[in-house]
Amino acid sequence: MHPEQPGDLSILTSLIREIRVGLLTTQDAQGHFHTRPVETLQVDDRGSLWFFTDWSTPKVGELKAHSQVSVGYADIASNRFAVVSGSSQLLRNTAKARELWSASQLAYYPDGPEDPRLAILRVEIERAEYWLAPGRAGYLIAAVRAALTGQPAGVVGENHKIERDS
């Protein structure tokens, strides 16, 4: 296995759609990182991620000051992981809010897609990396091979990187 291979945007977007909940990292005014869970409402084929947030959260100030963000995704059960970084944009767009809307959002935005507190966060993927690791049997085989040869297994599974023109 090669430690690093070129990635495929369609595989990345499929992983994100399946994992769905990510950890969004922003930077505060003091330069500290702030990470919180977010539900990915849509990932489009052009490489944009779409989320809802509240205009009154500290996250909005952080995004206005530093638009570069990172979103990490993990599916521990299947050993699949992804992380993206890119530029963020905050929007007020009722038509897009309606497109992204689901009834579960009423818990946060009781006035629906027209809720004045509702902000749309768009993240354009600029760089990404994803890992597809084998299950327990794959790790066991790698461990046996390492024990027999005396050589560490190194990277077990696949690691892919994507870099897009900004």
Protein backbone atom coordinates (compact mmCIF):
# COMPACT_ATOMS: atom_id res chain seq x y z
CA MET A 1 0.00 0.00 0.00
CA HIS A 2 1.27 3.45 -0.84
CA PRO A 3 1.23 5.79 2.13
CA GLU A 4 -0.50 8.54 0.16
CA GLN A 5 -2.53 8.39 -3.05
CA PRO A 6 -4.45 10.99 -5.02
CA GLY A 7 -8.02 11.24 -3.83
CA ASP A 8 -11.32 11.14 -5.62
CA LEU A 9 -13.84 13.91 -4.84
CA SER A 10 -16.80 11.57 -5.46
CA ILE A 11 -15.49 9.08 -2.86
CA LEU A 12 -14.93 11.92 -0.39
CA THR A 13 -18.43 13.37 -0.87
CA SER A 14 -19.95 9.90 -0.54
CA LEU A 15 -18.12 9.37 2.78
CA ILE A 16 -19.35 12.72 4.09
CA ARG A 17 -22.94 12.01 3.04
CA GLU A 18 -22.85 8.67 4.85
CA ILE A 19 -21.10 9.88 8.03
CA ARG A 20 -23.10 13.14 8.07
CA VAL A 21 -22.06 14.59 11.45
CA GLY A 22 -18.71 16.31 11.47
CA LEU A 23 -16.58 18.36 13.83
CA LEU A 24 -16.21 21.95 12.62
CA THR A 25 -13.08 23.78 13.77
CA THR A 26 -12.83 27.56 13.70
CA GLN A 27 -10.32 29.99 15.18
CA ASP A 28 -11.25 32.51 17.87
CA ALA A 29 -9.91 36.06 18.30
CA GLN A 30 -7.01 34.83 20.47
CA GLY A 31 -5.96 32.29 17.83
CA HIS A 32 -7.30 29.28 19.75
CA PHE A 33 -9.13 26.53 17.92
CA HIS A 34 -12.79 25.91 18.74
CA THR A 35 -14.38 22.64 17.63
CA ARG A 36 -18.03 21.63 17.76
CA PRO A 37 -20.31 19.03 16.12
CA VAL A 38 -22.31 20.03 13.05
CA GLU A 39 -24.80 18.16 10.90
CA THR A 40 -23.91 18.22 7.22
CA LEU A 41 -27.18 19.03 5.50
CA GLN A 42 -25.82 18.73 1.98
CA VAL A 43 -22.56 18.05 0.19
CA ASP A 44 -22.76 18.91 -3.47
CA ASP A 45 -20.78 17.49 -6.36
CA ARG A 46 -18.84 20.75 -6.74
CA GLY A 47 -17.32 20.22 -3.31
CA SER A 48 -19.36 22.51 -1.07
CA LEU A 49 -20.63 21.52 2.36
CA TRP A 50 -23.82 23.10 3.72
CA PHE A 51 -24.82 23.56 7.38
CA PHE A 52 -27.24 25.61 9.46
CA THR A 53 -26.05 27.76 12.33
CA ASP A 54 -27.46 30.53 14.49
CA TRP A 55 -26.52 34.14 13.74
CA SER A 56 -26.09 34.79 17.48
CA THR A 57 -23.46 32.10 18.18
CA PRO A 58 -19.79 32.95 18.80
CA LYS A 59 -19.06 30.76 15.76
CA VAL A 60 -20.40 33.51 13.48
CA GLY A 61 -17.91 36.06 14.83
CA GLU A 62 -15.10 33.54 14.49
CA LEU A 63 -16.08 32.82 10.88
CA LYS A 64 -16.26 36.51 10.01
CA ALA A 65 -12.75 37.05 11.41
CA HIS A 66 -11.19 33.85 10.03
CA SER A 67 -13.01 32.23 7.12
CA GLN A 68 -10.69 29.20 6.90
CA VAL A 69 -12.18 26.16 8.66
CA SER A 70 -11.72 22.45 9.01
CA VAL A 71 -14.38 19.74 9.29
CA GLY A 72 -13.49 16.21 10.41
CA TYR A 73 -15.63 13.09 9.98
CA ALA A 74 -15.21 9.67 11.59
CA ASP A 75 -17.01 6.37 11.16
CA ILE A 76 -15.28 4.27 13.82
CA ALA A 77 -17.35 1.14 13.13
CA SER A 78 -16.23 1.00 9.49
CA ASN A 79 -12.74 2.50 9.93
CA ARG A 80 -13.49 5.38 7.53
CA PHE A 81 -12.31 8.91 8.22
CA ALA A 82 -12.20 12.22 6.35
CA VAL A 83 -11.09 15.75 7.03
CA VAL A 84 -11.61 18.79 4.84
CA SER A 85 -10.39 22.35 5.03
CA GLY A 86 -11.63 25.29 3.08
CA SER A 87 -13.13 28.73 3.06
CA SER A 88 -16.43 29.43 4.73
CA GLN A 89 -19.23 31.81 3.84
CA LEU A 90 -22.28 32.81 5.90
CA LEU A 91 -25.49 33.35 3.94
CA ARG A 92 -29.04 34.47 4.52
CA ASN A 93 -30.96 32.72 1.74
CA THR A 94 -34.51 31.52 2.40
CA ALA A 95 -34.71 29.53 -0.86
CA LYS A 96 -31.56 27.57 0.02
CA ALA A 97 -32.78 27.14 3.61
CA ARG A 98 -35.99 25.58 2.26
CA GLU A 99 -33.93 23.23 0.08
CA LEU A 100 -31.84 22.10 3.09
CA TRP A 101 -34.75 22.02 5.54
CA SER A 102 -35.98 18.96 7.42
CA ALA A 103 -38.55 18.72 10.21
CA SER A 104 -35.82 17.91 12.75
CA GLN A 105 -34.54 21.48 12.33
CA LEU A 106 -37.70 22.80 14.06
CA ALA A 107 -36.05 22.03 17.40
CA TYR A 108 -33.49 24.76 16.68
CA TYR A 109 -35.43 27.08 14.36
CA PRO A 110 -39.13 27.00 15.36
CA ASP A 111 -40.05 29.58 12.71
CA GLY A 112 -38.85 27.23 9.96
CA PRO A 113 -36.63 28.22 7.03
CA GLU A 114 -37.71 31.85 7.49
CA ASP A 115 -36.44 31.96 11.11
CA PRO A 116 -34.45 35.20 11.44
CA ARG A 117 -31.82 33.44 13.58
CA LEU A 118 -31.07 30.87 10.86
CA ALA A 119 -27.78 31.32 9.03
CA ILE A 120 -26.52 29.06 6.28
CA LEU A 121 -22.87 28.11 6.47
CA ARG A 122 -21.23 27.03 3.22
CA VAL A 123 -17.74 25.54 3.24
CA GLU A 124 -15.94 25.20 -0.07
CA ILE A 125 -13.54 22.26 0.09
CA GLU A 126 -10.02 23.32 -0.85
CA ARG A 127 -8.04 20.44 0.65
CA ALA A 128 -9.14 17.07 1.93
CA GLU A 129 -7.77 13.78 3.13
CA TYR A 130 -9.56 10.51 3.74
CA TRP A 131 -8.61 7.13 5.11
CA LEU A 132 -10.21 3.78 4.32
CA ALA A 133 -8.87 1.19 6.73
CA PRO A 134 -9.54 -2.54 6.76
CA GLY A 135 -11.55 -4.17 9.51
CA ARG A 136 -10.15 -6.07 12.46
CA ALA A 137 -9.04 -8.99 10.24
CA GLY A 138 -6.89 -6.67 8.12
CA TYR A 139 -5.11 -5.36 11.20
CA LEU A 140 -4.61 -8.91 12.48
CA ILE A 141 -3.01 -9.94 9.17
CA ALA A 142 -0.73 -6.88 9.29
CA ALA A 143 0.24 -7.71 12.90
CA VAL A 144 1.05 -11.34 12.01
CA ARG A 145 3.09 -10.22 8.98
CA ALA A 146 5.01 -7.72 11.15
CA ALA A 147 5.67 -10.36 13.81
CA LEU A 148 6.93 -12.86 11.22
CA THR A 149 9.13 -10.41 9.30
CA GLY A 150 10.23 -8.20 12.18
CA GLN A 151 9.21 -5.17 10.10
CA PRO A 152 6.51 -2.73 11.25
CA ALA A 153 3.35 -2.82 9.16
CA GLY A 154 3.47 0.89 8.39
CA VAL A 155 0.21 2.30 7.06
CA VAL A 156 -2.60 -0.22 7.04
CA GLY A 157 -5.37 0.69 4.59
CA GLU A 158 -5.66 3.55 2.13
CA ASN A 159 -4.83 7.23 2.57
CA HIS A 160 -5.90 9.70 -0.15
CA LYS A 161 -5.37 13.47 -0.49
CA ILE A 162 -7.23 16.04 -2.56
CA GLU A 163 -5.98 19.55 -3.32
CA ARG A 164 -8.22 21.82 -5.35
CA ASP A 165 -7.48 25.11 -7.02
CA SER A 166 -8.99 27.94 -5.01
